[in-house]
Amino acid sequence: MSGGLKAGFWVQAYLTRLRLRDIPAFVTAHGDDDAGAVLVKLNTLDGRAEAFQRGWDLASGARQWVQLAVGEERDVDEAIARQRGFDPDLWVIEVEDRQGRHLLDEDGLS
């Protein structure tokens, strides 16, 4: 996480922000508390899903959330499983929201 922010702390803050908006979310894979990367799966509860990971905007050098996968939930789950195979310290948070809200575009979450 940027600025030395520990992954476990960021995850708890994100879950709290979601909870305050009544958006259910669950940690489905507990990564490294200090330096683990975070992947967010958005489940729209209609058989479809999206997965987001943090990446770099090459033009500005800023960190941003980018879409890793989108489509049928099973396909997104397979993409997440592949990422976990590469990175066993990866956190996975599943957000469940029919409206497609994940809050990753809000200030303080990049």
PDB file of N, CA and C in Angstrom:
ATOM      1  N   MET A   1       0.853  -1.168   0.000  1.00  0.00           N
ATOM      2  CA  MET A   1       0.000   0.000   0.000  1.00  0.00           C
ATOM      3  C   MET A   1       0.901   1.233   0.000  1.00  0.00           C
ATOM      4  N   SER A   2       0.448   2.265  -0.634  1.00  0.00           N
ATOM      5  CA  SER A   2       1.296   3.440  -0.808  1.00  0.00           C
ATOM      6  C   SER A   2       1.534   4.171   0.500  1.00  0.00           C
ATOM      7  N   GLY A   3       2.651   4.904   0.553  1.00  0.00           N
ATOM      8  CA  GLY A   3       2.963   5.721   1.704  1.00  0.00           C
ATOM      9  C   GLY A   3       3.265   4.914   2.951  1.00  0.00           C
ATOM     10  N   GLY A   4       3.603   3.625   2.795  1.00  0.00           N
ATOM     11  CA  GLY A   4       3.938   2.827   3.950  1.00  0.00           C
ATOM     12  C   GLY A   4       2.723   2.338   4.724  1.00  0.00           C
ATOM     13  N   LEU A   5       1.533   2.560   4.222  1.00  0.00           N
ATOM     14  CA  LEU A   5       0.321   2.113   4.904  1.00  0.00           C
ATOM     15  C   LEU A   5       0.260   0.596   4.866  1.00  0.00           C
ATOM     16  N   LYS A   6       0.104   0.001   6.032  1.00  0.00           N
ATOM     17  CA  LYS A   6       0.054  -1.455   6.112  1.00  0.00           C
ATOM     18  C   LYS A   6      -1.235  -1.972   5.497  1.00  0.00           C
ATOM     19  N   ALA A   7      -1.126  -3.088   4.791  1.00  0.00           N
ATOM     20  CA  ALA A   7      -2.264  -3.661   4.073  1.00  0.00           C
ATOM     21  C   ALA A   7      -3.421  -3.984   5.015  1.00  0.00           C
ATOM     22  N   GLY A   8      -3.135  -4.586   6.158  1.00  0.00           N
ATOM     23  CA  GLY A   8      -4.191  -4.952   7.095  1.00  0.00           C
ATOM     24  C   GLY A   8      -4.977  -3.738   7.568  1.00  0.00           C
ATOM     25  N   PHE A   9      -4.287  -2.638   7.808  1.00  0.00           N
ATOM     26  CA  PHE A   9      -4.950  -1.409   8.227  1.00  0.00           C
ATOM     27  C   PHE A   9      -5.840  -0.871   7.102  1.00  0.00           C
ATOM     28  N   TRP A  10      -5.321  -0.860   5.862  1.00  0.00           N
ATOM     29  CA  TRP A  10      -6.097  -0.380   4.730  1.00  0.00           C
ATOM     30  C   TRP A  10      -7.360  -1.220   4.556  1.00  0.00           C
ATOM     31  N   VAL A  11      -7.223  -2.539   4.650  1.00  0.00           N
ATOM     32  CA  VAL A  11      -8.370  -3.437   4.497  1.00  0.00           C
ATOM     33  C   VAL A  11      -9.432  -3.119   5.541  1.00  0.00           C
ATOM     34  N   GLN A  12      -9.039  -2.957   6.797  1.00  0.00           N
ATOM     35  CA  GLN A  12     -10.020  -2.658   7.848  1.00  0.00           C
ATOM     36  C   GLN A  12     -10.705  -1.316   7.598  1.00  0.00           C
ATOM     37  N   ALA A  13      -9.949  -0.312   7.151  1.00  0.00           N
ATOM     38  CA  ALA A  13     -10.540   0.996   6.857  1.00  0.00           C
ATOM     39  C   ALA A  13     -11.528   0.888   5.687  1.00  0.00           C
ATOM     40  N   TYR A  14     -11.172   0.125   4.662  1.00  0.00           N
ATOM     41  CA  TYR A  14     -12.052  -0.059   3.506  1.00  0.00           C
ATOM     42  C   TYR A  14     -13.334  -0.779   3.910  1.00  0.00           C
ATOM     43  N   LEU A  15     -13.197  -1.847   4.698  1.00  0.00           N
ATOM     44  CA  LEU A  15     -14.387  -2.579   5.152  1.00  0.00           C
ATOM     45  C   LEU A  15     -15.299  -1.682   5.981  1.00  0.00           C
ATOM     46  N   THR A  16     -14.710  -0.826   6.798  1.00  0.00           N
ATOM     47  CA  THR A  16     -15.510   0.108   7.603  1.00  0.00           C
ATOM     48  C   THR A  16     -16.252   1.085   6.704  1.00  0.00           C
ATOM     49  N   ARG A  17     -15.573   1.624   5.701  1.00  0.00           N
ATOM     50  CA  ARG A  17     -16.214   2.564   4.778  1.00  0.00           C
ATOM     51  C   ARG A  17     -17.393   1.895   4.065  1.00  0.00           C
ATOM     52  N   LEU A  18     -17.208   0.660   3.623  1.00  0.00           N
ATOM     53  CA  LEU A  18     -18.304  -0.081   2.979  1.00  0.00           C
ATOM     54  C   LEU A  18     -19.456  -0.313   3.952  1.00  0.00           C
ATOM     55  N   ARG A  19     -19.130  -0.721   5.170  1.00  0.00           N
ATOM     56  CA  ARG A  19     -20.149  -0.994   6.185  1.00  0.00           C
ATOM     57  C   ARG A  19     -20.987   0.260   6.475  1.00  0.00           C
ATOM     58  N   LEU A  20     -20.344   1.420   6.498  1.00  0.00           N
ATOM     59  CA  LEU A  20     -21.062   2.672   6.756  1.00  0.00           C
ATOM     60  C   LEU A  20     -22.058   3.001   5.642  1.00  0.00           C
ATOM     61  N   ARG A  21     -21.854   2.430   4.462  1.00  0.00           N
ATOM     62  CA  ARG A  21     -22.775   2.620   3.331  1.00  0.00           C
ATOM     63  C   ARG A  21     -23.718   1.430   3.161  1.00  0.00           C
ATOM     64  N   ASP A  22     -23.703   0.513   4.144  1.00  0.00           N
ATOM     65  CA  ASP A  22     -24.524  -0.705   4.087  1.00  0.00           C
ATOM     66  C   ASP A  22     -24.233  -1.548   2.853  1.00  0.00           C
ATOM     67  N   ILE A  23     -22.959  -1.653   2.502  1.00  0.00           N
ATOM     68  CA  ILE A  23     -22.523  -2.496   1.391  1.00  0.00           C
ATOM     69  C   ILE A  23     -21.794  -3.690   1.995  1.00  0.00           C
ATOM     70  N   PRO A  24     -22.359  -4.892   1.869  1.00  0.00           N
ATOM     71  CA  PRO A  24     -21.700  -6.072   2.441  1.00  0.00           C
ATOM     72  C   PRO A  24     -20.357  -6.357   1.775  1.00  0.00           C
ATOM     73  N   ALA A  25     -19.373  -6.733   2.580  1.00  0.00           N
ATOM     74  CA  ALA A  25     -18.049  -7.090   2.072  1.00  0.00           C
ATOM     75  C   ALA A  25     -17.398  -8.064   3.043  1.00  0.00           C
ATOM     76  N   PHE A  26     -16.574  -8.944   2.484  1.00  0.00           N
ATOM     77  CA  PHE A  26     -15.953 -10.001   3.259  1.00  0.00           C
ATOM     78  C   PHE A  26     -14.522 -10.213   2.792  1.00  0.00           C
ATOM     79  N   VAL A  27     -13.646 -10.527   3.716  1.00  0.00           N
ATOM     80  CA  VAL A  27     -12.289 -10.925   3.361  1.00  0.00           C
ATOM     81  C   VAL A  27     -12.357 -12.407   3.015  1.00  0.00           C
ATOM     82  N   THR A  28     -12.059 -12.741   1.767  1.00  0.00           N
ATOM     83  CA  THR A  28     -12.092 -14.146   1.350  1.00  0.00           C
ATOM     84  C   THR A  28     -10.698 -14.753   1.292  1.00  0.00           C
ATOM     85  N   ALA A  29      -9.667 -13.918   1.325  1.00  0.00           N
ATOM     86  CA  ALA A  29      -8.284 -14.388   1.422  1.00  0.00           C
ATOM     87  C   ALA A  29      -7.512 -13.358   2.235  1.00  0.00           C
ATOM     88  N   HIS A  30      -6.947 -13.798   3.353  1.00  0.00           N
ATOM     89  CA  HIS A  30      -6.190 -12.921   4.245  1.00  0.00           C
ATOM     90  C   HIS A  30      -4.738 -12.942   3.813  1.00  0.00           C
ATOM     91  N   GLY A  31      -4.285 -11.807   3.309  1.00  0.00           N
ATOM     92  CA  GLY A  31      -2.907 -11.694   2.846  1.00  0.00           C
ATOM     93  C   GLY A  31      -1.967 -11.270   3.950  1.00  0.00           C
ATOM     94  N   ASP A  32      -0.783 -10.866   3.557  1.00  0.00           N
ATOM     95  CA  ASP A  32       0.222 -10.390   4.498  1.00  0.00           C
ATOM     96  C   ASP A  32      -0.241  -9.074   5.110  1.00  0.00           C
ATOM     97  N   ASP A  33      -0.245  -9.012   6.440  1.00  0.00           N
ATOM     98  CA  ASP A  33      -0.749  -7.824   7.137  1.00  0.00           C
ATOM     99  C   ASP A  33       0.051  -6.573   6.842  1.00  0.00           C
ATOM    100  N   ASP A  34       1.332  -6.735   6.569  1.00  0.00           N
ATOM    101  CA  ASP A  34       2.175  -5.564   6.374  1.00  0.00           C
ATOM    102  C   ASP A  34       2.265  -5.128   4.913  1.00  0.00           C
ATOM    103  N   ALA A  35       2.554  -6.068   4.033  1.00  0.00           N
ATOM    104  CA  ALA A  35       2.892  -5.669   2.669  1.00  0.00           C
ATOM    105  C   ALA A  35       2.083  -6.373   1.593  1.00  0.00           C
ATOM    106  N   GLY A  36       1.040  -7.086   1.966  1.00  0.00           N
ATOM    107  CA  GLY A  36       0.262  -7.800   0.960  1.00  0.00           C
ATOM    108  C   GLY A  36      -0.470  -6.860   0.020  1.00  0.00           C
ATOM    109  N   ALA A  37      -0.551  -7.259  -1.244  1.00  0.00           N
ATOM    110  CA  ALA A  37      -1.354  -6.522  -2.208  1.00  0.00           C
ATOM    111  C   ALA A  37      -2.824  -6.838  -1.952  1.00  0.00           C
ATOM    112  N   VAL A  38      -3.706  -5.969  -2.446  1.00  0.00           N
ATOM    113  CA  VAL A  38      -5.141  -6.145  -2.233  1.00  0.00           C
ATOM    114  C   VAL A  38      -5.842  -6.226  -3.581  1.00  0.00           C
ATOM    115  N   LEU A  39      -6.731  -7.205  -3.692  1.00  0.00           N
ATOM    116  CA  LEU A  39      -7.566  -7.371  -4.868  1.00  0.00           C
ATOM    117  C   LEU A  39      -9.013  -7.287  -4.386  1.00  0.00           C
ATOM    118  N   VAL A  40      -9.848  -6.545  -5.100  1.00  0.00           N
ATOM    119  CA  VAL A  40     -11.257  -6.386  -4.723  1.00  0.00           C
ATOM    120  C   VAL A  40     -12.127  -7.016  -5.797  1.00  0.00           C
ATOM    121  N   LYS A  41     -12.989  -7.932  -5.376  1.00  0.00           N
ATOM    122  CA  LYS A  41     -13.967  -8.546  -6.278  1.00  0.00           C
ATOM    123  C   LYS A  41     -15.318  -7.905  -6.002  1.00  0.00           C
ATOM    124  N   LEU A  42     -15.950  -7.403  -7.044  1.00  0.00           N
ATOM    125  CA  LEU A  42     -17.299  -6.850  -6.937  1.00  0.00           C
ATOM    126  C   LEU A  42     -18.266  -7.884  -7.502  1.00  0.00           C
ATOM    127  N   ASN A  43     -19.111  -8.412  -6.649  1.00  0.00           N
ATOM    128  CA  ASN A  43     -20.128  -9.391  -7.031  1.00  0.00           C
ATOM    129  C   ASN A  43     -21.463  -8.656  -7.089  1.00  0.00           C
ATOM    130  N   THR A  44     -22.053  -8.559  -8.275  1.00  0.00           N
ATOM    131  CA  THR A  44     -23.329  -7.844  -8.422  1.00  0.00           C
ATOM    132  C   THR A  44     -24.528  -8.764  -8.215  1.00  0.00           C
ATOM    133  N   LEU A  45     -24.279  -9.985  -7.780  1.00  0.00           N
ATOM    134  CA  LEU A  45     -25.319 -10.933  -7.369  1.00  0.00           C
ATOM    135  C   LEU A  45     -26.264 -11.311  -8.494  1.00  0.00           C
ATOM    136  N   ASP A  46     -25.786 -11.207  -9.730  1.00  0.00           N
ATOM    137  CA  ASP A  46     -26.586 -11.596 -10.895  1.00  0.00           C
ATOM    138  C   ASP A  46     -25.809 -12.573 -11.779  1.00  0.00           C
ATOM    139  N   GLY A  47     -24.787 -13.209 -11.194  1.00  0.00           N
ATOM    140  CA  GLY A  47     -23.964 -14.141 -11.933  1.00  0.00           C
ATOM    141  C   GLY A  47     -22.747 -13.503 -12.574  1.00  0.00           C
ATOM    142  N   ARG A  48     -22.606 -12.180 -12.416  1.00  0.00           N
ATOM    143  CA  ARG A  48     -21.481 -11.446 -13.005  1.00  0.00           C
ATOM    144  C   ARG A  48     -20.642 -10.825 -11.896  1.00  0.00           C
ATOM    145  N   ALA A  49     -19.397 -10.523 -12.235  1.00  0.00           N
ATOM    146  CA  ALA A  49     -18.492  -9.944 -11.250  1.00  0.00           C
ATOM    147  C   ALA A  49     -17.389  -9.176 -11.967  1.00  0.00           C
ATOM    148  N   GLU A  50     -16.665  -8.397 -11.188  1.00  0.00           N
ATOM    149  CA  GLU A  50     -15.481  -7.671 -11.649  1.00  0.00           C
ATOM    150  C   GLU A  50     -14.411  -7.829 -10.582  1.00  0.00           C
ATOM    151  N   ALA A  51     -13.164  -7.802 -10.985  1.00  0.00           N
ATOM    152  CA  ALA A  51     -12.057  -7.811 -10.032  1.00  0.00           C
ATOM    153  C   ALA A  51     -11.156  -6.625 -10.334  1.00  0.00           C
ATOM    154  N   PHE A  52     -10.721  -5.964  -9.278  1.00  0.00           N
ATOM    155  CA  PHE A  52      -9.871  -4.782  -9.400  1.00  0.00           C
ATOM    156  C   PHE A  52      -8.587  -4.991  -8.616  1.00  0.00           C
ATOM    157  N   GLN A  53      -7.494  -4.491  -9.173  1.00  0.00           N
ATOM    158  CA  GLN A  53      -6.226  -4.478  -8.455  1.00  0.00           C
ATOM    159  C   GLN A  53      -5.603  -3.106  -8.630  1.00  0.00           C
ATOM    160  N   ARG A  54      -4.697  -2.778  -7.723  1.00  0.00           N
ATOM    161  CA  ARG A  54      -4.032  -1.478  -7.836  1.00  0.00           C
ATOM    162  C   ARG A  54      -2.904  -1.572  -8.835  1.00  0.00           C
ATOM    163  N   GLY A  55      -2.816  -0.557  -9.659  1.00  0.00           N
ATOM    164  CA  GLY A  55      -1.755  -0.495 -10.650  1.00  0.00           C
ATOM    165  C   GLY A  55      -1.245   0.924 -10.764  1.00  0.00           C
ATOM    166  N   TRP A  56      -0.312   1.105 -11.669  1.00  0.00           N
ATOM    167  CA  TRP A  56       0.293   2.421 -11.891  1.00  0.00           C
ATOM    168  C   TRP A  56      -0.276   3.039 -13.150  1.00  0.00           C
ATOM    169  N   ASP A  57      -0.604   4.325 -13.078  1.00  0.00           N
ATOM    170  CA  ASP A  57      -0.917   5.103 -14.275  1.00  0.00           C
ATOM    171  C   ASP A  57       0.439   5.537 -14.834  1.00  0.00           C
ATOM    172  N   LEU A  58       0.808   4.970 -15.967  1.00  0.00           N
ATOM    173  CA  LEU A  58       2.138   5.239 -16.515  1.00  0.00           C
ATOM    174  C   LEU A  58       2.331   6.694 -16.920  1.00  0.00           C
ATOM    175  N   ALA A  59       1.248   7.376 -17.264  1.00  0.00           N
ATOM    176  CA  ALA A  59       1.353   8.777 -17.669  1.00  0.00           C
ATOM    177  C   ALA A  59       1.666   9.687 -16.484  1.00  0.00           C
ATOM    178  N   SER A  60       0.987   9.438 -15.343  1.00  0.00           N
ATOM    179  CA  SER A  60       1.154  10.338 -14.197  1.00  0.00           C
ATOM    180  C   SER A  60       2.019   9.745 -13.091  1.00  0.00           C
ATOM    181  N   GLY A  61       2.212   8.433 -13.108  1.00  0.00           N
ATOM    182  CA  GLY A  61       2.966   7.795 -12.032  1.00  0.00           C
ATOM    183  C   GLY A  61       2.140   7.546 -10.788  1.00  0.00           C
ATOM    184  N   ALA A  62       0.845   7.870 -10.840  1.00  0.00           N
ATOM    185  CA  ALA A  62      -0.028   7.702  -9.669  1.00  0.00           C
ATOM    186  C   ALA A  62      -0.550   6.267  -9.590  1.00  0.00           C
ATOM    187  N   ARG A  63      -0.862   5.842  -8.364  1.00  0.00           N
ATOM    188  CA  ARG A  63      -1.486   4.541  -8.162  1.00  0.00           C
ATOM    189  C   ARG A  63      -2.978   4.695  -8.426  1.00  0.00           C
ATOM    190  N   GLN A  64      -3.568   3.673  -9.032  1.00  0.00           N
ATOM    191  CA  GLN A  64      -5.002   3.709  -9.288  1.00  0.00           C
ATOM    192  C   GLN A  64      -5.520   2.276  -9.324  1.00  0.00           C
ATOM    193  N   TRP A  65      -6.824   2.117  -9.182  1.00  0.00           N
ATOM    194  CA  TRP A  65      -7.457   0.806  -9.287  1.00  0.00           C
ATOM    195  C   TRP A  65      -7.742   0.527 -10.752  1.00  0.00           C
ATOM    196  N   VAL A  66      -7.333  -0.650 -11.211  1.00  0.00           N
ATOM    197  CA  VAL A  66      -7.566  -1.058 -12.588  1.00  0.00           C
ATOM    198  C   VAL A  66      -8.323  -2.379 -12.591  1.00  0.00           C
ATOM    199  N   GLN A  67      -9.099  -2.564 -13.635  1.00  0.00           N
ATOM    200  CA  GLN A  67      -9.892  -3.775 -13.753  1.00  0.00           C
ATOM    201  C   GLN A  67      -8.999  -4.938 -14.176  1.00  0.00           C
ATOM    202  N   LEU A  68      -8.994  -5.989 -13.375  1.00  0.00           N
ATOM    203  CA  LEU A  68      -8.234  -7.200 -13.678  1.00  0.00           C
ATOM    204  C   LEU A  68      -9.066  -8.146 -14.531  1.00  0.00           C
ATOM    205  N   ALA A  69     -10.360  -8.262 -14.207  1.00  0.00           N
ATOM    206  CA  ALA A  69     -11.242  -9.192 -14.914  1.00  0.00           C
ATOM    207  C   ALA A  69     -12.678  -8.720 -14.770  1.00  0.00           C
ATOM    208  N   VAL A  70     -13.508  -9.045 -15.766  1.00  0.00           N
ATOM    209  CA  VAL A  70     -14.935  -8.750 -15.719  1.00  0.00           C
ATOM    210  C   VAL A  70     -15.648  -9.831 -16.516  1.00  0.00           C
ATOM    211  N   GLY A  71     -16.822 -10.221 -16.052  1.00  0.00           N
ATOM    212  CA  GLY A  71     -17.590 -11.224 -16.789  1.00  0.00           C
ATOM    213  C   GLY A  71     -18.366 -12.121 -15.852  1.00  0.00           C
ATOM    214  N   GLU A  72     -18.543 -13.372 -16.295  1.00  0.00           N
ATOM    215  CA  GLU A  72     -19.235 -14.350 -15.469  1.00  0.00           C
ATOM    216  C   GLU A  72     -18.449 -14.540 -14.172  1.00  0.00           C
ATOM    217  N   GLU A  73     -19.181 -14.695 -13.064  1.00  0.00           N
ATOM    218  CA  GLU A  73     -18.508 -14.779 -11.767  1.00  0.00           C
ATOM    219  C   GLU A  73     -17.472 -15.900 -11.733  1.00  0.00           C
ATOM    220  N   ARG A  74     -17.776 -17.048 -12.304  1.00  0.00           N
ATOM    221  CA  ARG A  74     -16.808 -18.167 -12.261  1.00  0.00           C
ATOM    222  C   ARG A  74     -15.522 -17.803 -12.997  1.00  0.00           C
ATOM    223  N   ASP A  75     -15.620 -17.045 -14.093  1.00  0.00           N
ATOM    224  CA  ASP A  75     -14.428 -16.628 -14.828  1.00  0.00           C
ATOM    225  C   ASP A  75     -13.594 -15.647 -14.007  1.00  0.00           C
ATOM    226  N   VAL A  76     -14.276 -14.727 -13.319  1.00  0.00           N
ATOM    227  CA  VAL A  76     -13.578 -13.770 -12.460  1.00  0.00           C
ATOM    228  C   VAL A  76     -12.911 -14.510 -11.302  1.00  0.00           C
ATOM    229  N   ASP A  77     -13.620 -15.493 -10.730  1.00  0.00           N
ATOM    230  CA  ASP A  77     -13.030 -16.297  -9.644  1.00  0.00           C
ATOM    231  C   ASP A  77     -11.777 -17.031 -10.123  1.00  0.00           C
ATOM    232  N   GLU A  78     -11.792 -17.520 -11.360  1.00  0.00           N
ATOM    233  CA  GLU A  78     -10.612 -18.198 -11.909  1.00  0.00           C
ATOM    234  C   GLU A  78      -9.447 -17.222 -12.064  1.00  0.00           C
ATOM    235  N   ALA A  79      -9.733 -16.005 -12.504  1.00  0.00           N
ATOM    236  CA  ALA A  79      -8.675 -14.987 -12.624  1.00  0.00           C
ATOM    237  C   ALA A  79      -8.086 -14.661 -11.253  1.00  0.00           C
ATOM    238  N   ILE A  80      -8.944 -14.580 -10.247  1.00  0.00           N
ATOM    239  CA  ILE A  80      -8.476 -14.305  -8.881  1.00  0.00           C
ATOM    240  C   ILE A  80      -7.616 -15.467  -8.381  1.00  0.00           C
ATOM    241  N   ALA A  81      -8.046 -16.685  -8.647  1.00  0.00           N
ATOM    242  CA  ALA A  81      -7.272 -17.861  -8.229  1.00  0.00           C
ATOM    243  C   ALA A  81      -5.888 -17.855  -8.873  1.00  0.00           C
ATOM    244  N   ARG A  82      -5.807 -17.456 -10.140  1.00  0.00           N
ATOM    245  CA  ARG A  82      -4.501 -17.367 -10.809  1.00  0.00           C
ATOM    246  C   ARG A  82      -3.614 -16.332 -10.120  1.00  0.00           C
ATOM    247  N   GLN A  83      -4.185 -15.186  -9.787  1.00  0.00           N
ATOM    248  CA  GLN A  83      -3.415 -14.141  -9.102  1.00  0.00           C
ATOM    249  C   GLN A  83      -2.913 -14.647  -7.751  1.00  0.00           C
ATOM    250  N   ARG A  84      -3.758 -15.365  -7.027  1.00  0.00           N
ATOM    251  CA  ARG A  84      -3.343 -15.915  -5.729  1.00  0.00           C
ATOM    252  C   ARG A  84      -2.236 -16.939  -5.908  1.00  0.00           C
ATOM    253  N   GLY A  85      -2.246 -17.649  -7.043  1.00  0.00           N
ATOM    254  CA  GLY A  85      -1.169 -18.597  -7.329  1.00  0.00           C
ATOM    255  C   GLY A  85       0.172 -17.904  -7.510  1.00  0.00           C
ATOM    256  N   PHE A  86       0.146 -16.697  -8.074  1.00  0.00           N
ATOM    257  CA  PHE A  86       1.365 -15.905  -8.257  1.00  0.00           C
ATOM    258  C   PHE A  86       1.796 -15.235  -6.958  1.00  0.00           C
ATOM    259  N   ASP A  87       0.821 -14.867  -6.120  1.00  0.00           N
ATOM    260  CA  ASP A  87       1.092 -14.047  -4.935  1.00  0.00           C
ATOM    261  C   ASP A  87       0.331 -14.595  -3.727  1.00  0.00           C
ATOM    262  N   PRO A  88       0.945 -15.466  -2.940  1.00  0.00           N
ATOM    263  CA  PRO A  88       0.259 -16.042  -1.783  1.00  0.00           C
ATOM    264  C   PRO A  88      -0.019 -15.021  -0.670  1.00  0.00           C
ATOM    265  N   ASP A  89       0.600 -13.843  -0.731  1.00  0.00           N
ATOM    266  CA  ASP A  89       0.367 -12.800   0.278  1.00  0.00           C
ATOM    267  C   ASP A  89      -0.790 -11.881  -0.088  1.00  0.00           C
ATOM    268  N   LEU A  90      -1.496 -12.198  -1.177  1.00  0.00           N
ATOM    269  CA  LEU A  90      -2.565 -11.361  -1.703  1.00  0.00           C
ATOM    270  C   LEU A  90      -3.814 -11.404  -0.822  1.00  0.00           C
ATOM    271  N   TRP A  91      -4.338 -10.231  -0.521  1.00  0.00           N
ATOM    272  CA  TRP A  91      -5.643 -10.108   0.123  1.00  0.00           C
ATOM    273  C   TRP A  91      -6.711 -10.129  -0.963  1.00  0.00           C
ATOM    274  N   VAL A  92      -7.854 -10.758  -0.686  1.00  0.00           N
ATOM    275  CA  VAL A  92      -9.000 -10.693  -1.583  1.00  0.00           C
ATOM    276  C   VAL A  92     -10.204 -10.280  -0.756  1.00  0.00           C
ATOM    277  N   ILE A  93     -10.838  -9.202  -1.175  1.00  0.00           N
ATOM    278  CA  ILE A  93     -12.054  -8.709  -0.525  1.00  0.00           C
ATOM    279  C   ILE A  93     -13.189  -8.857  -1.522  1.00  0.00           C
ATOM    280  N   GLU A  94     -14.273  -9.486  -1.099  1.00  0.00           N
ATOM    281  CA  GLU A  94     -15.445  -9.604  -1.964  1.00  0.00           C
ATOM    282  C   GLU A  94     -16.502  -8.620  -1.483  1.00  0.00           C
ATOM    283  N   VAL A  95     -16.916  -7.750  -2.390  1.00  0.00           N
ATOM    284  CA  VAL A  95     -17.958  -6.761  -2.147  1.00  0.00           C
ATOM    285  C   VAL A  95     -19.211  -7.250  -2.864  1.00  0.00           C
ATOM    286  N   GLU A  96     -20.339  -7.256  -2.174  1.00  0.00           N
ATOM    287  CA  GLU A  96     -21.594  -7.693  -2.781  1.00  0.00           C
ATOM    288  C   GLU A  96     -22.551  -6.510  -2.863  1.00  0.00           C
ATOM    289  N   ASP A  97     -22.839  -6.088  -4.088  1.00  0.00           N
ATOM    290  CA  ASP A  97     -23.729  -4.945  -4.254  1.00  0.00           C
ATOM    291  C   ASP A  97     -24.400  -5.000  -5.622  1.00  0.00           C
ATOM    292  N   ARG A  98     -25.719  -5.117  -5.623  1.00  0.00           N
ATOM    293  CA  ARG A  98     -26.485  -5.183  -6.869  1.00  0.00           C
ATOM    294  C   ARG A  98     -26.327  -3.916  -7.712  1.00  0.00           C
ATOM    295  N   GLN A  99     -26.056  -2.777  -7.062  1.00  0.00           N
ATOM    296  CA  GLN A  99     -25.897  -1.507  -7.770  1.00  0.00           C
ATOM    297  C   GLN A  99     -24.489  -1.323  -8.333  1.00  0.00           C
ATOM    298  N   GLY A 100     -23.591  -2.239  -8.015  1.00  0.00           N
ATOM    299  CA  GLY A 100     -22.233  -2.149  -8.545  1.00  0.00           C
ATOM    300  C   GLY A 100     -21.339  -1.171  -7.810  1.00  0.00           C
ATOM    301  N   ARG A 101     -21.673  -0.840  -6.570  1.00  0.00           N
ATOM    302  CA  ARG A 101     -20.846   0.102  -5.807  1.00  0.00           C
ATOM    303  C   ARG A 101     -19.676  -0.639  -5.164  1.00  0.00           C
ATOM    304  N   HIS A 102     -18.481  -0.074  -5.311  1.00  0.00           N
ATOM    305  CA  HIS A 102     -17.294  -0.633  -4.663  1.00  0.00           C
ATOM    306  C   HIS A 102     -16.502   0.444  -3.925  1.00  0.00           C
ATOM    307  N   LEU A 103     -16.791   1.698  -4.172  1.00  0.00           N
ATOM    308  CA  LEU A 103     -16.192   2.875  -3.522  1.00  0.00           C
ATOM    309  C   LEU A 103     -14.707   3.079  -3.827  1.00  0.00           C
ATOM    310  N   LEU A 104     -14.114   2.270  -4.687  1.00  0.00           N
ATOM    311  CA  LEU A 104     -12.685   2.396  -4.960  1.00  0.00           C
ATOM    312  C   LEU A 104     -12.313   3.704  -5.641  1.00  0.00           C
ATOM    313  N   ASP A 105     -13.312   4.379  -6.220  1.00  0.00           N
ATOM    314  CA  ASP A 105     -13.048   5.652  -6.885  1.00  0.00           C
ATOM    315  C   ASP A 105     -13.129   6.842  -5.933  1.00  0.00           C
ATOM    316  N   GLU A 106     -13.388   6.574  -4.660  1.00  0.00           N
ATOM    317  CA  GLU A 106     -13.487   7.663  -3.680  1.00  0.00           C
ATOM    318  C   GLU A 106     -12.108   8.100  -3.197  1.00  0.00           C
ATOM    319  N   ASP A 107     -12.014   9.333  -2.736  1.00  0.00           N
ATOM    320  CA  ASP A 107     -10.765   9.863  -2.202  1.00  0.00           C
ATOM    321  C   ASP A 107     -10.276   8.986  -1.055  1.00  0.00           C
ATOM    322  N   GLY A 108      -8.969   8.803  -1.007  1.00  0.00           N
ATOM    323  CA  GLY A 108      -8.351   8.074   0.082  1.00  0.00           C
ATOM    324  C   GLY A 108      -8.252   6.569  -0.122  1.00  0.00           C
ATOM    325  N   LEU A 109      -8.779   6.048  -1.227  1.00  0.00           N
ATOM    326  CA  LEU A 109      -8.744   4.601  -1.431  1.00  0.00           C
ATOM    327  C   LEU A 109      -7.791   4.166  -2.542  1.00  0.00           C
ATOM    328  N   SER A 110      -7.114   5.099  -3.182  1.00  0.00           N
ATOM    329  CA  SER A 110      -6.239   4.712  -4.302  1.00  0.00           C
ATOM    330  C   SER A 110      -4.924   4.122  -3.837  1.00  0.00           C
TER     331      SER A 110
END
